Amino acid sequence: MTELVYVTNTTDKELVSEFNYEEYKFPAGKTVALSPGAAKHIFGYGQENKEPYLARLGFIRLHSELEQALEKLSKFEISTEAPVEKNRSLPSAVGVVPLHVEKRAGGKSSHARAA
């Protein structure tokens, strides 16, 4: 089983990047599952020095832009836990009336018999 990490794009713009000749799209407000290797290549996952990754993403051109670029990168939340769907919940039983099941005594049929 392959280990995955989950990247949630909390910005209002889609991010598109590549890893191993495969395109990765990170739609605004959505979570994408990918390998830790892809997350490392794209976002610097697990790396202390983020500058090369910020430059690759186009978030930084000059060292003086580092603080703003790190702020932008922080809006891509990376987790090892699969996200819980926010708009999905168990149906509520409050206010639901169970269906009435009519029981017949003695197993009698309600059909009329021809005489």
C-alpha atoms as a PDB file:
ATOM      1  CA  MET A   1       0.000   0.000   0.000  1.00  0.00           C
ATOM      2  CA  THR A   2       1.339   3.396  -0.984  1.00  0.00           C
ATOM      3  CA  GLU A   3       1.614   6.077   1.662  1.00  0.00           C
ATOM      4  CA  LEU A   4      -0.180   9.300   0.770  1.00  0.00           C
ATOM      5  CA  VAL A   5      -0.242  12.875   1.970  1.00  0.00           C
ATOM      6  CA  TYR A   6      -3.167  15.243   1.502  1.00  0.00           C
ATOM      7  CA  VAL A   7      -2.728  18.811   0.294  1.00  0.00           C
ATOM      8  CA  THR A   8      -5.566  21.273   0.819  1.00  0.00           C
ATOM      9  CA  ASN A   9      -5.473  24.467  -1.213  1.00  0.00           C
ATOM     10  CA  THR A  10      -6.994  27.163   1.012  1.00  0.00           C
ATOM     11  CA  THR A  11      -6.376  29.924  -1.542  1.00  0.00           C
ATOM     12  CA  ASP A  12      -8.908  31.199  -4.068  1.00  0.00           C
ATOM     13  CA  LYS A  13      -6.806  30.144  -7.102  1.00  0.00           C
ATOM     14  CA  GLU A  14      -5.969  26.767  -8.598  1.00  0.00           C
ATOM     15  CA  LEU A  15      -2.316  25.713  -8.562  1.00  0.00           C
ATOM     16  CA  VAL A  16      -0.945  23.469 -11.305  1.00  0.00           C
ATOM     17  CA  SER A  17       2.456  21.768 -11.035  1.00  0.00           C
ATOM     18  CA  GLU A  18       4.270  18.661 -12.298  1.00  0.00           C
ATOM     19  CA  PHE A  19       6.171  15.743 -10.843  1.00  0.00           C
ATOM     20  CA  ASN A  20       7.598  12.786 -12.812  1.00  0.00           C
ATOM     21  CA  TYR A  21       5.903  13.985 -16.016  1.00  0.00           C
ATOM     22  CA  GLU A  22       2.515  13.958 -14.298  1.00  0.00           C
ATOM     23  CA  GLU A  23       0.429  17.096 -13.885  1.00  0.00           C
ATOM     24  CA  TYR A  24      -1.010  17.829 -10.451  1.00  0.00           C
ATOM     25  CA  LYS A  25      -3.902  20.249 -10.064  1.00  0.00           C
ATOM     26  CA  PHE A  26      -4.749  21.738  -6.698  1.00  0.00           C
ATOM     27  CA  PRO A  27      -8.186  23.364  -7.102  1.00  0.00           C
ATOM     28  CA  ALA A  28      -9.096  26.203  -4.754  1.00  0.00           C
ATOM     29  CA  GLY A  29     -10.760  24.924  -1.590  1.00  0.00           C
ATOM     30  CA  LYS A  30     -10.138  21.242  -2.426  1.00  0.00           C
ATOM     31  CA  THR A  31      -7.893  18.480  -1.089  1.00  0.00           C
ATOM     32  CA  VAL A  32      -5.673  16.379  -3.343  1.00  0.00           C
ATOM     33  CA  ALA A  33      -3.970  13.096  -2.376  1.00  0.00           C
ATOM     34  CA  LEU A  34      -0.432  12.565  -3.628  1.00  0.00           C
ATOM     35  CA  SER A  35       2.756  10.709  -2.782  1.00  0.00           C
ATOM     36  CA  PRO A  36       5.168  12.186  -0.243  1.00  0.00           C
ATOM     37  CA  GLY A  37       7.748  12.370  -3.062  1.00  0.00           C
ATOM     38  CA  ALA A  38       5.456  14.537  -5.165  1.00  0.00           C
ATOM     39  CA  ALA A  39       4.663  16.728  -2.140  1.00  0.00           C
ATOM     40  CA  LYS A  40       8.391  17.132  -1.473  1.00  0.00           C
ATOM     41  CA  HIS A  41       9.125  18.057  -5.094  1.00  0.00           C
ATOM     42  CA  ILE A  42       6.240  20.524  -5.398  1.00  0.00           C
ATOM     43  CA  PHE A  43       5.979  22.054  -1.897  1.00  0.00           C
ATOM     44  CA  GLY A  44       9.236  21.100  -0.147  1.00  0.00           C
ATOM     45  CA  TYR A  45       7.334  18.734   2.157  1.00  0.00           C
ATOM     46  CA  GLY A  46       9.674  17.614   4.952  1.00  0.00           C
ATOM     47  CA  GLN A  47      12.391  20.094   3.921  1.00  0.00           C
ATOM     48  CA  GLU A  48      13.563  22.990   6.057  1.00  0.00           C
ATOM     49  CA  ASN A  49      14.796  25.215   3.221  1.00  0.00           C
ATOM     50  CA  LYS A  50      11.749  26.077   1.109  1.00  0.00           C
ATOM     51  CA  GLU A  51      13.431  28.617  -1.221  1.00  0.00           C
ATOM     52  CA  PRO A  52      14.046  26.241  -4.170  1.00  0.00           C
ATOM     53  CA  TYR A  53      10.424  25.077  -4.040  1.00  0.00           C
ATOM     54  CA  LEU A  54       9.082  28.618  -3.767  1.00  0.00           C
ATOM     55  CA  ALA A  55      11.109  29.571  -6.840  1.00  0.00           C
ATOM     56  CA  ARG A  56       9.855  26.530  -8.771  1.00  0.00           C
ATOM     57  CA  LEU A  57       6.265  27.458  -7.918  1.00  0.00           C
ATOM     58  CA  GLY A  58       6.868  31.044  -9.011  1.00  0.00           C
ATOM     59  CA  PHE A  59       6.106  32.374  -5.531  1.00  0.00           C
ATOM     60  CA  ILE A  60       9.518  34.082  -5.205  1.00  0.00           C
ATOM     61  CA  ARG A  61      12.026  35.807  -7.480  1.00  0.00           C
ATOM     62  CA  LEU A  62      14.099  37.764  -4.965  1.00  0.00           C
ATOM     63  CA  HIS A  63      15.253  36.852  -1.468  1.00  0.00           C
ATOM     64  CA  SER A  64      13.449  39.946  -0.183  1.00  0.00           C
ATOM     65  CA  GLU A  65      10.135  38.284  -1.184  1.00  0.00           C
ATOM     66  CA  LEU A  66      10.775  35.260   1.053  1.00  0.00           C
ATOM     67  CA  GLU A  67       8.382  36.207   3.859  1.00  0.00           C
ATOM     68  CA  GLN A  68       5.466  36.826   1.464  1.00  0.00           C
ATOM     69  CA  ALA A  69       6.220  33.621  -0.439  1.00  0.00           C
ATOM     70  CA  LEU A  70       6.269  31.549   2.761  1.00  0.00           C
ATOM     71  CA  GLU A  71       2.916  33.089   3.694  1.00  0.00           C
ATOM     72  CA  LYS A  72       1.530  32.006   0.319  1.00  0.00           C
ATOM     73  CA  LEU A  73       2.981  28.501   0.709  1.00  0.00           C
ATOM     74  CA  SER A  74       1.398  28.164   4.168  1.00  0.00           C
ATOM     75  CA  LYS A  75      -2.020  28.333   2.505  1.00  0.00           C
ATOM     76  CA  PHE A  76      -1.371  24.837   1.130  1.00  0.00           C
ATOM     77  CA  GLU A  77      -2.020  22.632   4.156  1.00  0.00           C
ATOM     78  CA  ILE A  78      -0.309  19.236   4.067  1.00  0.00           C
ATOM     79  CA  SER A  79      -1.526  16.371   6.253  1.00  0.00           C
ATOM     80  CA  THR A  80      -0.911  12.648   6.550  1.00  0.00           C
ATOM     81  CA  GLU A  81      -4.558  12.169   7.570  1.00  0.00           C
ATOM     82  CA  ALA A  82      -7.334  11.954   4.999  1.00  0.00           C
ATOM     83  CA  PRO A  83      -9.677  14.912   5.384  1.00  0.00           C
ATOM     84  CA  VAL A  84     -13.171  14.514   6.768  1.00  0.00           C
ATOM     85  CA  GLU A  85     -15.759  15.695   4.270  1.00  0.00           C
ATOM     86  CA  LYS A  86     -17.292  18.874   5.656  1.00  0.00           C
ATOM     87  CA  ASN A  87     -20.576  18.810   3.753  1.00  0.00           C
ATOM     88  CA  ARG A  88     -21.321  15.219   4.542  1.00  0.00           C
ATOM     89  CA  SER A  89     -23.083  14.095   7.689  1.00  0.00           C
ATOM     90  CA  LEU A  90     -25.164  11.243   8.912  1.00  0.00           C
ATOM     91  CA  PRO A  91     -28.878  11.671   8.353  1.00  0.00           C
ATOM     92  CA  SER A  92     -30.726  12.940  11.385  1.00  0.00           C
ATOM     93  CA  ALA A  93     -33.600  10.938  12.851  1.00  0.00           C
ATOM     94  CA  VAL A  94     -35.097  13.994  14.533  1.00  0.00           C
ATOM     95  CA  GLY A  95     -38.590  14.660  13.227  1.00  0.00           C
ATOM     96  CA  VAL A  96     -38.703  11.446  11.206  1.00  0.00           C
ATOM     97  CA  VAL A  97     -41.791   9.347  11.762  1.00  0.00           C
ATOM     98  CA  PRO A  98     -41.365   5.601  11.177  1.00  0.00           C
ATOM     99  CA  LEU A  99     -43.581   3.961   8.599  1.00  0.00           C
ATOM    100  CA  HIS A 100     -46.677   2.275  10.001  1.00  0.00           C
ATOM    101  CA  VAL A 101     -46.613  -1.469   9.394  1.00  0.00           C
ATOM    102  CA  GLU A 102     -50.045  -3.070   9.513  1.00  0.00           C
ATOM    103  CA  LYS A 103     -50.006  -6.452  11.203  1.00  0.00           C
ATOM    104  CA  ARG A 104     -52.753  -8.970  10.743  1.00  0.00           C
ATOM    105  CA  ALA A 105     -53.658 -11.394  13.523  1.00  0.00           C
ATOM    106  CA  GLY A 106     -53.593 -15.121  12.886  1.00  0.00           C
ATOM    107  CA  GLY A 107     -52.025 -14.799   9.483  1.00  0.00           C
ATOM    108  CA  LYS A 108     -55.383 -14.146   7.811  1.00  0.00           C
ATOM    109  CA  SER A 109     -55.349 -12.874   4.290  1.00  0.00           C
ATOM    110  CA  SER A 110     -57.172  -9.674   3.453  1.00  0.00           C
ATOM    111  CA  HIS A 111     -58.233 -11.033   0.077  1.00  0.00           C
ATOM    112  CA  ALA A 112     -61.865 -12.112  -0.324  1.00  0.00           C
ATOM    113  CA  ARG A 113     -62.393 -15.748  -1.285  1.00  0.00           C
ATOM    114  CA  ALA A 114     -64.801 -16.862  -3.937  1.00  0.00           C
ATOM    115  CA  ALA A 115     -67.502 -19.171  -2.569  1.00  0.00           C
END
